[in-house]
N, C-alpha and C. Protein backbone atom coordinates (compact mmCIF):
# COMPACT_ATOMS: atom_id res chain seq x y z
N UNK A 1 -22.65 31.56 15.51
CA UNK A 1 -21.96 30.12 15.02
C UNK A 1 -22.04 30.48 13.46
N UNK A 2 -21.95 30.68 12.36
CA UNK A 2 -22.78 30.69 10.72
C UNK A 2 -22.44 28.91 10.27
N UNK A 3 -24.03 28.75 10.59
CA UNK A 3 -24.87 27.42 10.24
C UNK A 3 -24.56 27.63 8.04
N UNK A 4 -25.28 28.59 7.83
CA UNK A 4 -24.22 27.80 5.65
C UNK A 4 -23.38 27.12 6.18
N UNK A 5 -22.12 28.80 5.80
CA UNK A 5 -21.01 28.15 5.92
C UNK A 5 -20.03 26.87 6.47
N UNK A 6 -20.44 26.58 7.83
CA UNK A 6 -20.75 25.24 8.69
C UNK A 6 -21.28 23.98 7.29
N UNK A 7 -22.10 24.06 6.66
CA UNK A 7 -22.97 23.22 5.91
C UNK A 7 -21.85 22.71 4.60
N UNK A 8 -21.81 24.49 4.05
CA UNK A 8 -21.40 23.99 2.87
C UNK A 8 -19.55 22.97 2.99
N UNK A 9 -18.96 23.86 4.79
CA UNK A 9 -17.48 23.26 4.41
C UNK A 9 -17.41 21.52 4.97
N UNK A 10 -18.85 21.51 5.37
CA UNK A 10 -18.65 19.51 5.45
C UNK A 10 -18.65 19.53 4.06
N UNK A 11 -19.85 19.67 3.51
CA UNK A 11 -20.55 19.39 2.03
C UNK A 11 -18.93 19.56 1.27
N UNK A 12 -18.85 20.11 1.30
CA UNK A 12 -17.76 20.37 0.72
C UNK A 12 -16.15 19.46 0.91
N UNK A 13 -16.34 19.31 2.27
CA UNK A 13 -15.03 18.52 2.05
C UNK A 13 -14.83 17.01 2.32
N UNK A 14 -16.42 16.50 2.55
CA UNK A 14 -16.60 15.16 2.71
C UNK A 14 -17.95 14.66 1.54
N UNK A 15 -18.82 15.49 1.17
CA UNK A 15 -18.95 14.82 -0.13
C UNK A 15 -19.78 15.59 -1.42
N UNK A 16 -18.60 15.17 -2.16
CA UNK A 16 -18.84 15.91 -3.41
C UNK A 16 -18.67 15.16 -3.89
N UNK A 17 -19.56 15.49 -5.59
CA UNK A 17 -20.21 14.04 -6.24
C UNK A 17 -21.57 13.38 -5.18
N UNK A 18 -22.51 12.80 -6.30
CA UNK A 18 -23.56 12.74 -5.74
C UNK A 18 -23.26 11.33 -5.21
N UNK A 19 -22.32 10.06 -5.89
CA UNK A 19 -21.99 9.14 -4.90
C UNK A 19 -21.84 9.18 -2.98
N UNK A 20 -21.30 10.53 -3.12
CA UNK A 20 -21.41 10.63 -1.57
C UNK A 20 -21.79 11.62 -0.55
N UNK A 21 -22.94 11.21 -0.80
CA UNK A 21 -23.93 12.40 -0.28
C UNK A 21 -24.14 11.91 1.12
N UNK A 22 -24.45 13.18 1.55
CA UNK A 22 -24.86 12.30 3.08
C UNK A 22 -26.65 12.73 3.21
N UNK A 23 -27.20 11.72 3.83
CA UNK A 23 -28.20 11.76 4.07
C UNK A 23 -28.83 13.23 6.04
N UNK A 24 -30.18 13.63 5.41
CA UNK A 24 -30.54 14.44 6.13
C UNK A 24 -30.26 14.43 7.20
N UNK A 25 -30.80 13.25 8.06
CA UNK A 25 -30.48 13.70 9.53
C UNK A 25 -29.37 13.03 9.57
N UNK A 26 -28.19 12.30 9.24
CA UNK A 26 -26.69 12.38 9.26
C UNK A 26 -26.43 14.12 9.42
N UNK A 27 -26.45 15.12 8.00
CA UNK A 27 -26.00 15.78 8.23
C UNK A 27 -26.34 16.43 9.70
N UNK A 28 -27.35 16.29 9.53
CA UNK A 28 -28.50 17.79 11.32
C UNK A 28 -27.39 16.86 12.14
N UNK A 29 -27.28 15.84 12.44
CA UNK A 29 -26.93 14.89 14.03
C UNK A 29 -25.53 15.64 13.74
N UNK A 30 -24.55 15.78 12.62
CA UNK A 30 -23.22 15.89 12.55
C UNK A 30 -23.88 18.11 13.03
N UNK A 31 -24.84 18.40 13.04
CA UNK A 31 -24.23 20.29 13.13
C UNK A 31 -24.55 19.98 14.45
N UNK A 32 -25.97 19.29 14.93
CA UNK A 32 -25.78 19.36 16.62
C UNK A 32 -24.56 18.31 17.39
N UNK A 33 -24.01 18.12 16.54
CA UNK A 33 -22.84 17.49 17.75
C UNK A 33 -21.51 19.06 17.31
N UNK A 34 -21.56 18.77 16.53
CA UNK A 34 -20.84 20.37 16.49
C UNK A 34 -21.13 21.88 17.16
N UNK A 35 -22.59 22.01 17.33
CA UNK A 35 -23.27 22.53 18.74
C UNK A 35 -24.27 23.13 18.36
N UNK A 36 -24.97 23.36 17.38
CA UNK A 36 -25.75 23.95 17.03
C UNK A 36 -27.07 22.73 16.86
N UNK A 37 -28.02 24.54 17.84
CA UNK A 37 -29.11 24.01 18.45
C UNK A 37 -30.64 24.55 17.01
N UNK A 38 -30.32 23.57 16.38
CA UNK A 38 -31.25 23.71 15.46
C UNK A 38 -31.93 22.23 14.75
N UNK A 39 -32.90 21.97 14.50
CA UNK A 39 -33.71 20.80 14.29
C UNK A 39 -34.27 20.33 12.49
N UNK A 40 -34.96 20.07 11.66
CA UNK A 40 -34.36 19.48 10.94
C UNK A 40 -35.68 20.36 9.60
N UNK A 41 -36.26 20.45 10.26
CA UNK A 41 -36.62 22.05 9.67
C UNK A 41 -35.97 23.64 9.21
N UNK A 42 -35.67 23.82 10.34
CA UNK A 42 -34.16 24.75 10.07
C UNK A 42 -33.15 24.54 9.58
N UNK A 43 -32.59 23.49 9.73
CA UNK A 43 -31.70 22.94 8.82
C UNK A 43 -32.52 22.60 6.98
N UNK A 44 -32.89 22.66 6.72
CA UNK A 44 -33.93 22.58 5.12
C UNK A 44 -34.21 23.38 4.81
N UNK A 45 -35.07 24.82 6.26
CA UNK A 45 -34.53 25.72 4.96
C UNK A 45 -33.20 25.99 5.34
N UNK A 46 -32.13 26.61 5.87
CA UNK A 46 -30.54 26.97 5.31
C UNK A 46 -30.47 26.60 4.27
N UNK A 47 -30.91 24.77 3.99
CA UNK A 47 -29.80 24.16 2.58
C UNK A 47 -30.88 24.79 1.33
N UNK A 48 -31.93 25.00 1.33
CA UNK A 48 -33.21 25.80 -0.13
C UNK A 48 -32.40 27.37 -0.45
N UNK A 49 -31.43 27.68 0.66
CA UNK A 49 -31.48 29.24 -0.13
C UNK A 49 -29.58 29.08 -0.03
N UNK A 50 -29.04 27.63 -0.69
CA UNK A 50 -28.00 27.61 -0.66
C UNK A 50 -28.03 27.26 -2.05
N UNK A 51 -28.41 27.62 -2.93
CA UNK A 51 -28.12 26.86 -4.96
C UNK A 51 -27.76 25.73 -5.04
N UNK A 52 -26.37 25.84 -4.39
CA UNK A 52 -24.85 25.34 -4.77
C UNK A 52 -24.65 23.68 -4.84
N UNK A 53 -25.96 23.39 -3.19
CA UNK A 53 -26.20 22.83 -2.51
C UNK A 53 -27.04 21.69 -3.64
N UNK A 54 -26.48 20.56 -3.97
CA UNK A 54 -27.78 19.70 -4.78
C UNK A 54 -27.85 18.49 -4.05
N UNK A 55 -28.92 17.70 -4.25
CA UNK A 55 -29.93 16.83 -3.97
C UNK A 55 -30.79 15.71 -4.19
N UNK A 56 -30.41 14.63 -3.59
CA UNK A 56 -31.11 13.17 -4.72
C UNK A 56 -32.05 12.71 -3.85
N UNK A 57 -31.72 11.46 -3.63
CA UNK A 57 -32.72 10.51 -2.47
C UNK A 57 -31.71 10.06 -1.65
N UNK A 58 -30.63 9.69 -1.92
CA UNK A 58 -29.47 9.91 -1.05
C UNK A 58 -29.28 10.74 -0.31
N UNK A 59 -29.50 12.33 -0.12
CA UNK A 59 -28.95 13.16 0.34
C UNK A 59 -28.72 14.68 -0.08
N UNK A 60 -27.68 15.10 0.45
CA UNK A 60 -27.32 16.68 0.39
C UNK A 60 -25.28 15.77 0.04
N UNK A 61 -24.93 16.57 -1.62
CA UNK A 61 -23.84 17.05 -1.61
C UNK A 61 -23.95 18.06 -2.73
N UNK A 62 -22.48 18.12 -2.90
CA UNK A 62 -21.58 18.94 -3.72
C UNK A 62 -21.37 18.91 -5.40
N UNK A 63 -21.74 18.67 -6.43
CA UNK A 63 -22.34 18.19 -7.47
C UNK A 63 -20.04 18.57 -7.76
N UNK A 64 -19.80 17.48 -8.68
CA UNK A 64 -18.37 17.70 -9.16
C UNK A 64 -18.60 17.36 -10.45
N UNK A 65 -19.68 16.76 -11.44
CA UNK A 65 -19.95 16.45 -12.25
C UNK A 65 -20.99 16.95 -13.40
N UNK A 66 -21.47 17.60 -14.81
CA UNK A 66 -22.74 17.71 -15.01
C UNK A 66 -23.51 17.15 -14.61
N UNK A 67 -23.54 15.58 -14.70
CA UNK A 67 -24.65 15.05 -14.37
C UNK A 67 -25.04 14.76 -13.01
N UNK A 68 -24.37 15.59 -12.17
CA UNK A 68 -24.61 15.26 -11.03
C UNK A 68 -25.95 16.89 -10.82
N UNK A 69 -25.57 17.99 -11.62
CA UNK A 69 -26.33 18.79 -11.27
C UNK A 69 -27.62 18.86 -12.13
N UNK A 70 -27.65 17.81 -13.40
CA UNK A 70 -28.78 17.61 -13.88
C UNK A 70 -30.22 16.26 -13.33
N UNK A 71 -28.31 15.75 -12.99
CA UNK A 71 -30.11 14.08 -11.64
C UNK A 71 -30.33 15.14 -10.58
N UNK A 72 -29.50 16.06 -9.79
CA UNK A 72 -30.05 16.50 -8.81
C UNK A 72 -31.22 17.68 -8.64
N UNK A 73 -31.77 18.10 -10.74
CA UNK A 73 -32.27 18.83 -11.03
C UNK A 73 -33.80 17.43 -11.22
N UNK A 74 -33.69 16.55 -11.61
CA UNK A 74 -34.43 16.02 -12.17
C UNK A 74 -34.39 15.48 -10.77
N UNK A 75 -34.36 14.78 -9.41
CA UNK A 75 -35.56 14.82 -8.74
C UNK A 75 -35.94 15.92 -7.51
N UNK A 76 -35.78 16.97 -7.90
CA UNK A 76 -36.00 18.00 -7.95
C UNK A 76 -37.85 18.44 -8.61
N UNK A 77 -37.92 18.09 -9.77
CA UNK A 77 -38.37 17.82 -10.65
C UNK A 77 -39.49 17.42 -10.96
N UNK A 78 -39.59 15.98 -10.19
CA UNK A 78 -39.67 14.37 -9.81
C UNK A 78 -41.44 15.30 -8.59
N UNK A 79 -40.38 16.05 -7.35
CA UNK A 79 -41.28 15.83 -5.92
C UNK A 79 -42.72 17.47 -6.60
N UNK A 80 -41.73 17.97 -7.78
CA UNK A 80 -42.46 19.45 -8.13
C UNK A 80 -44.07 18.58 -8.50
N UNK A 81 -43.49 18.25 -10.05
CA UNK A 81 -44.66 17.85 -11.19
C UNK A 81 -46.11 18.01 -10.52
N UNK A 82 -46.24 16.31 -9.39
CA UNK A 82 -47.14 15.96 -8.70
C UNK A 82 -47.57 17.66 -8.29
N UNK A 83 -46.98 18.17 -7.57
CA UNK A 83 -47.84 19.24 -6.67
C UNK A 83 -48.15 20.28 -8.29
N UNK A 84 -47.65 20.47 -9.02
CA UNK A 84 -48.29 21.41 -9.81
C UNK A 84 -49.89 20.70 -10.40
N UNK A 85 -49.75 19.14 -10.81
CA UNK A 85 -50.99 18.39 -11.09
C UNK A 85 -52.27 18.73 -10.23
N UNK A 86 -51.67 18.72 -8.69
CA UNK A 86 -52.60 19.11 -7.95
C UNK A 86 -52.92 20.24 -8.00
N UNK A 87 -52.31 21.63 -8.06
CA UNK A 87 -52.82 22.99 -8.60
C UNK A 87 -53.83 22.58 -9.05
N UNK A 88 -53.45 22.40 -10.61
CA UNK A 88 -54.18 22.43 -11.62
C UNK A 88 -55.26 21.11 -11.51
N UNK A 89 -55.14 20.96 -10.70
CA UNK A 89 -56.92 20.49 -10.57
C UNK A 89 -57.56 20.49 -9.87
N UNK A 90 -56.97 21.05 -8.94
CA UNK A 90 -57.56 21.87 -7.95
C UNK A 90 -57.86 23.63 -8.58
N UNK A 91 -57.31 23.60 -9.81
CA UNK A 91 -58.03 24.83 -10.03
C UNK A 91 -59.65 24.41 -11.15
N UNK A 92 -59.34 23.31 -11.40
CA UNK A 92 -60.11 22.29 -12.32
C UNK A 92 -61.62 22.45 -11.66
N UNK A 93 -61.89 22.00 -10.80
CA UNK A 93 -62.25 22.04 -9.36
C UNK A 93 -63.23 22.42 -9.04
N UNK A 94 -62.69 24.16 -9.04
CA UNK A 94 -63.21 25.39 -8.83
C UNK A 94 -62.95 26.65 -9.93
N UNK A 95 -63.85 26.08 -10.64
CA UNK A 95 -62.88 27.19 -11.53
C UNK A 95 -64.08 28.73 -11.38
N UNK A 96 -65.48 28.17 -10.85
CA UNK A 96 -65.90 29.84 -10.73
C UNK A 96 -65.11 30.37 -9.59
N UNK A 97 -63.86 30.23 -8.79
CA UNK A 97 -63.61 30.95 -8.57
C UNK A 97 -61.90 31.36 -8.48
N UNK A 98 -61.42 30.35 -9.46
CA UNK A 98 -60.08 30.36 -10.66
C UNK A 98 -60.09 32.16 -11.78
N UNK A 99 -58.69 32.28 -10.22
CA UNK A 99 -58.52 33.96 -10.84
C UNK A 99 -58.19 34.36 -12.63
N UNK A 100 -57.61 33.48 -13.07
CA UNK A 100 -57.10 33.16 -14.05
C UNK A 100 -54.94 33.28 -14.35
N UNK A 101 -54.65 33.25 -12.46
CA UNK A 101 -53.74 33.97 -12.06
C UNK A 101 -52.69 32.18 -13.22
N UNK A 102 -51.76 32.79 -13.42
CA UNK A 102 -50.97 31.81 -14.41
C UNK A 102 -49.59 31.19 -13.72
N UNK A 103 -48.80 30.25 -13.03
CA UNK A 103 -47.79 29.66 -13.00
C UNK A 103 -46.63 29.70 -13.89
N UNK A 104 -45.27 30.32 -13.57
CA UNK A 104 -44.52 29.84 -14.90
C UNK A 104 -43.70 28.37 -14.43
N UNK A 105 -43.35 28.05 -15.21
CA UNK A 105 -41.96 27.24 -14.69
C UNK A 105 -41.69 26.10 -15.75
N UNK A 106 -40.56 26.33 -16.30
CA UNK A 106 -40.29 25.69 -16.89
C UNK A 106 -39.92 23.70 -16.56
N UNK A 107 -40.38 22.90 -17.63
CA UNK A 107 -40.63 21.11 -17.11
C UNK A 107 -39.95 20.58 -18.11
């Protein structure tokens, strides 16, 4: 069973556009109903390798307009920025251990 292909087929057929996003839990349940032996972590790992799949607070979807892609990018940034701030704070808390490694990220 090719799980990436199955996920993509499901999203392209039924979950195009942000308004039609499928919740992660529902996608997982659907995959399991199809006979896939997969857990949430494994499914998320597969989805993360597929840049064509967008995400937002509603779940996963395939974009059908530029605004959907931009919204998905902003959703990801909202998650990433707090992590980058934690990295900055950790570096400041331990300057004696900081090696000078730079993180390059457009935000």
